[in-house]
Every structure is written in structure tokens, then in C-alpha cells.
Amino acid sequence: MSSSKPLSVLFVCLGNICRSPTAHGVFEQKLVRAGLADQVSVDSAGTAAYHIGKQPDSRSQKAALERGYDLSTQRARQAISEDFDRFDYVLAMDSENLRNLQAIKPANGKTDPVLFLQKYSTMSELEVPDPYYGGAQGFEYVLDLVEDASDHLIEDIQKRLQA
């Protein structure tokens, strides 16, 4: 990812087919609405290599599309150690992925990974639950959580860009 944009955001879950692509798509659209799309690049990745090259889960795509977010152009990739120098925000969906990220972060990597919801959400959840093995309601709940935290992340980015 080479970008001339001032800031960059990476969302990370296990397989990069449910939660992180949802966050990626939601956040990208919210950046457009906030007039920040030309200043922030967005990507997503997984800590496991299960689904490299595949589209997001069809249930994630369906739930997201019903709210106006198109995930169809995304393809899964695995998080790598270079991501900690390429991204200003490395946001894990849950504690397992946070630990996985911490394990691959180089000692001199510039960005420390954090839990997305713990850092940016006003809701009571600290982690984005994995909807993969659940029903449609799980994908809707992921969207609820991600939309809330994305709004607060945008506020943080706006402050950072104005500083």
C-alpha cells in the first residue's frame, strides 16, 4: 500500500472476511461523507492466512449493502510486519487478533495495535464479536458496533489532521 494520503487505517480480524472488511467498508464510506476520503487511506487484513484473495463473506456483504456499504471489491490479505510502519492506526477486532498482531509487530514498528472498540466505541462491548458461525443478527450487530466506533475514529482523525 503506497499512499500519498496523510493518514492510514488498517482494520484486522482473524480471516479478513467478516469483521475487518465490514469495518473497512463502513469507515471508507464514512470518510467520504465526512469529506476526508482524500486524506485517509483504509485497508483491512487478517492475522490468519485462511482466505487470502477471497471476497468478504456473502452475509457480511449482504448486511453491509443493506446499509449502503459495498464490500464487493475487497479481497482478503494477511497482516504483515511491514503494516506497523505503513499504517498510522492498526485496529484489532478482538483480543486474540490483538495478541496475534503484537506477536508480529517489529520492535521498532511505529504503530502499536489497539482494540478498535475499546479505543473508539461508546458502546459497552470491548471487542467486535465474530459473526461467522452465527446468524444474520450477528452481522447486523457487527455493523452497529463498527458504525459507532467509526464515528469516533473519524473525530480522532479530524483532531489529528487539524493539529
Protein backbone atom coordinates (compact mmCIF):
# COMPACT_ATOMS: atom_id res chain seq x y z
CA MET A 1 0.00 0.00 0.00
CA SER A 2 1.63 3.18 -1.11
CA SER A 3 -0.36 6.28 -0.44
CA SER A 4 0.21 10.00 -0.55
CA LYS A 5 -2.60 10.49 1.95
CA PRO A 6 -1.53 11.92 5.32
CA LEU A 7 -3.10 9.16 7.44
CA SER A 8 -3.81 5.46 7.04
CA VAL A 9 -6.02 2.97 8.89
CA LEU A 10 -5.81 -0.83 8.98
CA PHE A 11 -8.64 -2.97 10.41
CA VAL A 12 -7.68 -6.51 11.42
CA CYS A 13 -9.65 -9.65 12.29
CA LEU A 14 -8.79 -13.34 12.01
CA GLY A 15 -9.71 -14.25 8.44
CA ASN A 16 -10.35 -10.84 6.86
CA ILE A 17 -13.75 -11.93 5.53
CA CYS A 18 -16.26 -10.66 8.13
CA ARG A 19 -15.39 -8.04 10.70
CA SER A 20 -12.38 -6.24 9.25
CA PRO A 21 -13.82 -5.91 5.73
CA THR A 22 -17.04 -4.62 7.28
CA ALA A 23 -15.10 -2.03 9.26
CA HIS A 24 -13.07 -1.19 6.15
CA GLY A 25 -16.18 -0.61 4.03
CA VAL A 26 -18.10 1.29 6.70
CA PHE A 27 -15.17 3.51 7.57
CA GLU A 28 -14.32 4.25 3.94
CA GLN A 29 -17.90 5.39 3.27
CA LYS A 30 -17.99 7.47 6.45
CA LEU A 31 -14.75 9.17 5.35
CA VAL A 32 -16.43 10.11 2.07
CA ARG A 33 -19.42 11.55 3.93
CA ALA A 34 -17.10 13.50 6.25
CA GLY A 35 -15.10 14.90 3.32
CA LEU A 36 -11.94 13.10 4.43
CA ALA A 37 -11.57 10.41 1.76
CA ASP A 38 -8.70 12.27 0.11
CA GLN A 39 -6.79 12.45 3.40
CA VAL A 40 -7.13 8.92 4.82
CA SER A 41 -6.41 5.57 3.22
CA VAL A 42 -8.11 2.43 4.52
CA ASP A 43 -7.29 -1.26 4.31
CA SER A 44 -8.11 -4.47 6.15
CA ALA A 45 -6.26 -7.71 6.82
CA GLY A 46 -6.43 -10.96 8.73
CA THR A 47 -3.99 -12.44 11.19
CA ALA A 48 -4.51 -15.89 9.62
CA ALA A 49 -3.98 -16.92 6.01
CA TYR A 50 -7.29 -18.77 5.67
CA HIS A 51 -8.97 -16.70 2.97
CA ILE A 52 -6.26 -14.79 1.09
CA GLY A 53 -7.62 -13.41 -2.18
CA LYS A 54 -11.26 -14.14 -1.38
CA GLN A 55 -14.15 -11.67 -1.16
CA PRO A 56 -15.80 -10.90 2.18
CA ASP A 57 -18.35 -13.42 3.44
CA SER A 58 -21.61 -13.14 1.49
CA ARG A 59 -23.54 -12.48 4.72
CA SER A 60 -21.23 -9.58 5.55
CA GLN A 61 -21.69 -8.20 2.07
CA LYS A 62 -25.48 -8.55 2.22
CA ALA A 63 -25.81 -6.88 5.63
CA ALA A 64 -23.43 -4.08 4.64
CA LEU A 65 -25.12 -3.46 1.30
CA GLU A 66 -28.49 -3.13 3.03
CA ARG A 67 -26.96 -0.16 4.91
CA GLY A 68 -25.30 1.32 1.84
CA TYR A 69 -21.78 -0.11 2.19
CA ASP A 70 -20.31 -2.04 -0.75
CA LEU A 71 -17.66 -4.59 0.25
CA SER A 72 -17.53 -6.41 -3.11
CA THR A 73 -14.19 -5.03 -4.31
CA GLN A 74 -12.27 -6.10 -1.21
CA ARG A 75 -10.04 -9.18 -1.17
CA ALA A 76 -8.62 -10.82 1.94
CA ARG A 77 -4.95 -10.49 2.75
CA GLN A 78 -2.81 -11.37 5.72
CA ALA A 79 -1.40 -8.77 8.09
CA ILE A 80 2.39 -8.49 7.86
CA SER A 81 5.09 -6.88 9.96
CA GLU A 82 5.51 -4.00 7.49
CA ASP A 83 1.93 -2.89 8.26
CA PHE A 84 3.14 -1.37 11.54
CA ASP A 85 5.21 1.15 9.59
CA ARG A 86 2.73 1.68 6.75
CA PHE A 87 -0.34 2.44 8.89
CA ASP A 88 -1.00 5.14 11.47
CA TYR A 89 -3.83 3.12 13.04
CA VAL A 90 -3.75 -0.67 13.40
CA LEU A 91 -7.12 -1.66 14.86
CA ALA A 92 -7.83 -5.20 16.05
CA MET A 93 -11.36 -6.52 16.23
CA ASP A 94 -10.75 -8.70 19.31
CA SER A 95 -8.15 -9.67 21.92
CA GLU A 96 -6.99 -12.76 20.04
CA ASN A 97 -6.19 -10.67 16.99
CA LEU A 98 -4.55 -8.02 19.16
CA ARG A 99 -2.23 -10.70 20.58
CA ASN A 100 -1.55 -12.02 17.06
CA LEU A 101 -0.67 -8.51 15.90
CA GLN A 102 1.57 -7.86 18.89
CA ALA A 103 3.42 -11.09 18.06
CA ILE A 104 4.30 -9.93 14.53
CA LYS A 105 4.97 -6.26 15.31
CA PRO A 106 8.65 -5.44 14.91
CA ALA A 107 10.31 -3.97 18.00
CA ASN A 108 10.83 -0.70 16.12
CA GLY A 109 7.42 -0.66 14.37
CA LYS A 110 5.93 2.84 14.60
CA THR A 111 2.30 1.90 15.30
CA ASP A 112 1.04 -0.08 18.26
CA PRO A 113 -2.10 -2.11 17.58
CA VAL A 114 -5.15 -1.40 19.75
CA LEU A 115 -8.63 -2.86 20.16
CA PHE A 116 -10.91 -0.88 17.86
CA LEU A 117 -13.94 -0.80 20.16
CA GLN A 118 -12.03 -0.33 23.37
CA LYS A 119 -10.34 2.76 21.93
CA TYR A 120 -13.17 4.32 19.91
CA SER A 121 -16.61 2.97 20.81
CA THR A 122 -19.13 4.40 23.27
CA MET A 123 -20.94 1.06 23.45
CA SER A 124 -20.33 -1.46 26.22
CA GLU A 125 -18.59 -4.08 24.03
CA LEU A 126 -14.80 -4.09 24.08
CA GLU A 127 -14.49 -6.48 21.14
CA VAL A 128 -16.29 -6.97 17.84
CA PRO A 129 -17.78 -10.48 18.10
CA ASP A 130 -17.12 -12.92 15.28
CA PRO A 131 -20.42 -13.42 13.39
CA TYR A 132 -19.04 -16.12 11.06
CA TYR A 133 -20.64 -19.07 12.84
CA GLY A 134 -23.82 -17.25 13.83
CA GLY A 135 -26.93 -15.97 12.13
CA ALA A 136 -27.78 -12.78 10.26
CA GLN A 137 -28.29 -10.89 13.54
CA GLY A 138 -24.58 -11.26 14.28
CA PHE A 139 -23.65 -9.47 11.07
CA GLU A 140 -26.12 -6.69 11.87
CA TYR A 141 -24.66 -6.32 15.36
CA VAL A 142 -21.15 -6.08 13.91
CA LEU A 143 -22.37 -3.23 11.73
CA ASP A 144 -23.91 -1.46 14.74
CA LEU A 145 -20.64 -1.67 16.66
CA VAL A 146 -18.45 -0.70 13.72
CA GLU A 147 -20.62 2.27 12.74
CA ASP A 148 -20.43 3.68 16.28
CA ALA A 149 -16.67 3.23 16.63
CA SER A 150 -16.05 4.58 13.12
CA ASP A 151 -17.77 7.84 14.00
CA HIS A 152 -15.45 8.29 16.98
CA LEU A 153 -12.39 7.30 14.98
CA ILE A 154 -13.29 10.00 12.45
CA GLU A 155 -13.45 12.55 15.29
CA ASP A 156 -9.97 11.44 16.38
CA ILE A 157 -8.63 11.73 12.84
CA GLN A 158 -10.17 15.17 12.37
CA LYS A 159 -8.37 16.38 15.51
CA ARG A 160 -5.12 14.80 14.37
CA LEU A 161 -5.36 16.42 10.93
CA GLN A 162 -6.05 19.83 12.48
CA ALA A 163 -3.10 19.59 14.90
